[in-house]
Amino acid sequence: MPDPLLGWRGFDLVSWDGQPCLRSPAKLTVWYPGQAMKARCSKGLGHAPPGDGCSCGIYATASLHDLREWDFGVGEGTVVALVALAVT
């Protein structure tokens, strides 16, 4: 398995089932503390992400500058995190 790629993401801090967790600002996907997030196709196309011609997957930017420049989920109250992304 290749080494994970590191990238920057913005999250909203929310409470889900009474537990604090992180939510993607672009989708309603919730990330629970201490658990790995697995990408899936939200369009129901039945393929493993990433898929050709599909935008499914988990996104991050290479730098904090890019995260701010592209307004990739960074706003007031946003949690910014360094994430490790791996293909399993």
C-alpha atoms as a PDB file:
ATOM      1  CA  MET A   1       0.000   0.000   0.000  1.00  0.00           C
ATOM      2  CA  PRO A   2       1.405   3.446  -0.860  1.00  0.00           C
ATOM      3  CA  ASP A   3       2.175   6.026   1.819  1.00  0.00           C
ATOM      4  CA  PRO A   4      -0.760   8.315   2.635  1.00  0.00           C
ATOM      5  CA  LEU A   5      -0.966  11.744   1.032  1.00  0.00           C
ATOM      6  CA  LEU A   6      -1.253  14.660   3.441  1.00  0.00           C
ATOM      7  CA  GLY A   7      -3.655  17.474   2.702  1.00  0.00           C
ATOM      8  CA  TRP A   8      -5.671  20.280   4.301  1.00  0.00           C
ATOM      9  CA  ARG A   9      -9.448  20.288   4.787  1.00  0.00           C
ATOM     10  CA  GLY A  10     -12.038  22.530   6.345  1.00  0.00           C
ATOM     11  CA  PHE A  11     -14.807  21.055   8.507  1.00  0.00           C
ATOM     12  CA  ASP A  12     -17.852  22.246  10.404  1.00  0.00           C
ATOM     13  CA  LEU A  13     -17.906  21.198  14.082  1.00  0.00           C
ATOM     14  CA  VAL A  14     -21.332  19.681  14.804  1.00  0.00           C
ATOM     15  CA  SER A  15     -23.044  17.415  17.295  1.00  0.00           C
ATOM     16  CA  TRP A  16     -24.366  14.149  15.897  1.00  0.00           C
ATOM     17  CA  ASP A  17     -26.197  11.717  18.148  1.00  0.00           C
ATOM     18  CA  GLY A  18     -24.933  13.816  21.082  1.00  0.00           C
ATOM     19  CA  GLN A  19     -21.301  13.312  20.063  1.00  0.00           C
ATOM     20  CA  PRO A  20     -19.046  16.101  18.724  1.00  0.00           C
ATOM     21  CA  CYS A  21     -17.851  15.337  15.227  1.00  0.00           C
ATOM     22  CA  LEU A  22     -16.659  16.963  12.034  1.00  0.00           C
ATOM     23  CA  ARG A  23     -18.890  17.451   8.997  1.00  0.00           C
ATOM     24  CA  SER A  24     -17.922  18.235   5.451  1.00  0.00           C
ATOM     25  CA  PRO A  25     -19.107  21.719   4.464  1.00  0.00           C
ATOM     26  CA  ALA A  26     -19.824  20.449   0.935  1.00  0.00           C
ATOM     27  CA  LYS A  27     -21.731  17.261   1.809  1.00  0.00           C
ATOM     28  CA  LEU A  28     -23.642  16.053   4.844  1.00  0.00           C
ATOM     29  CA  THR A  29     -20.941  13.487   5.550  1.00  0.00           C
ATOM     30  CA  VAL A  30     -20.026  13.183   9.237  1.00  0.00           C
ATOM     31  CA  TRP A  31     -16.569  12.158  10.483  1.00  0.00           C
ATOM     32  CA  TYR A  32     -16.478  10.668  13.980  1.00  0.00           C
ATOM     33  CA  PRO A  33     -13.403  11.075  16.215  1.00  0.00           C
ATOM     34  CA  GLY A  34     -10.964   8.168  16.059  1.00  0.00           C
ATOM     35  CA  GLN A  35     -12.611   6.567  13.014  1.00  0.00           C
ATOM     36  CA  ALA A  36     -11.350   6.485   9.445  1.00  0.00           C
ATOM     37  CA  MET A  37     -13.644   7.894   6.765  1.00  0.00           C
ATOM     38  CA  LYS A  38     -14.115   5.723   3.703  1.00  0.00           C
ATOM     39  CA  ALA A  39     -15.051   7.383   0.417  1.00  0.00           C
ATOM     40  CA  ARG A  40     -18.168   6.211  -1.370  1.00  0.00           C
ATOM     41  CA  CYS A  41     -20.065   7.335  -4.429  1.00  0.00           C
ATOM     42  CA  SER A  42     -22.949   9.538  -3.286  1.00  0.00           C
ATOM     43  CA  LYS A  43     -24.548   9.330  -6.739  1.00  0.00           C
ATOM     44  CA  GLY A  44     -25.262   5.615  -6.308  1.00  0.00           C
ATOM     45  CA  LEU A  45     -23.346   4.650  -9.436  1.00  0.00           C
ATOM     46  CA  GLY A  46     -22.107   1.393  -7.879  1.00  0.00           C
ATOM     47  CA  HIS A  47     -18.377   1.898  -8.345  1.00  0.00           C
ATOM     48  CA  ALA A  48     -15.492   2.240  -5.929  1.00  0.00           C
ATOM     49  CA  PRO A  49     -14.237   5.844  -5.644  1.00  0.00           C
ATOM     50  CA  PRO A  50     -12.608   7.534  -7.310  1.00  0.00           C
ATOM     51  CA  GLY A  51     -14.513   6.734 -10.474  1.00  0.00           C
ATOM     52  CA  ASP A  52     -13.805   7.864 -14.012  1.00  0.00           C
ATOM     53  CA  GLY A  53     -16.105  10.730 -14.900  1.00  0.00           C
ATOM     54  CA  CYS A  54     -17.413  10.991 -11.311  1.00  0.00           C
ATOM     55  CA  SER A  55     -16.545  13.541  -8.625  1.00  0.00           C
ATOM     56  CA  CYS A  56     -16.824  11.108  -5.705  1.00  0.00           C
ATOM     57  CA  GLY A  57     -14.019  10.771  -3.188  1.00  0.00           C
ATOM     58  CA  ILE A  58     -12.501  12.684  -0.297  1.00  0.00           C
ATOM     59  CA  TYR A  59     -10.904  15.995  -1.185  1.00  0.00           C
ATOM     60  CA  ALA A  60      -8.080  18.002   0.380  1.00  0.00           C
ATOM     61  CA  THR A  61      -5.708  20.733  -0.757  1.00  0.00           C
ATOM     62  CA  ALA A  62      -1.927  20.533  -0.802  1.00  0.00           C
ATOM     63  CA  SER A  63      -1.422  23.702   1.255  1.00  0.00           C
ATOM     64  CA  LEU A  64      -3.201  26.018   3.666  1.00  0.00           C
ATOM     65  CA  HIS A  65      -2.784  28.776   1.087  1.00  0.00           C
ATOM     66  CA  ASP A  66      -4.732  26.713  -1.471  1.00  0.00           C
ATOM     67  CA  LEU A  67      -7.425  25.949   1.100  1.00  0.00           C
ATOM     68  CA  ARG A  68      -7.968  29.669   1.682  1.00  0.00           C
ATOM     69  CA  GLU A  69      -7.483  30.665  -1.975  1.00  0.00           C
ATOM     70  CA  TRP A  70     -10.079  28.222  -3.281  1.00  0.00           C
ATOM     71  CA  ASP A  71     -12.469  28.922  -0.375  1.00  0.00           C
ATOM     72  CA  PHE A  72     -12.608  25.164   0.114  1.00  0.00           C
ATOM     73  CA  GLY A  73     -14.855  25.097   3.140  1.00  0.00           C
ATOM     74  CA  VAL A  74     -13.057  27.745   5.180  1.00  0.00           C
ATOM     75  CA  GLY A  75     -15.249  30.274   6.928  1.00  0.00           C
ATOM     76  CA  GLU A  76     -15.997  31.632  10.358  1.00  0.00           C
ATOM     77  CA  GLY A  77     -16.173  28.763  12.835  1.00  0.00           C
ATOM     78  CA  THR A  78     -14.497  26.279  10.492  1.00  0.00           C
ATOM     79  CA  VAL A  79     -12.152  23.646  11.885  1.00  0.00           C
ATOM     80  CA  VAL A  80      -9.049  23.337   9.679  1.00  0.00           C
ATOM     81  CA  ALA A  81      -7.255  19.993   9.802  1.00  0.00           C
ATOM     82  CA  LEU A  82      -4.310  18.220   8.247  1.00  0.00           C
ATOM     83  CA  VAL A  83      -5.581  14.872   6.979  1.00  0.00           C
ATOM     84  CA  ALA A  84      -3.889  11.700   5.728  1.00  0.00           C
ATOM     85  CA  LEU A  85      -5.549  10.204   2.652  1.00  0.00           C
ATOM     86  CA  ALA A  86      -4.768   6.670   1.536  1.00  0.00           C
ATOM     87  CA  VAL A  87      -5.983   4.235  -1.077  1.00  0.00           C
ATOM     88  CA  THR A  88      -6.919   0.945   0.573  1.00  0.00           C
END
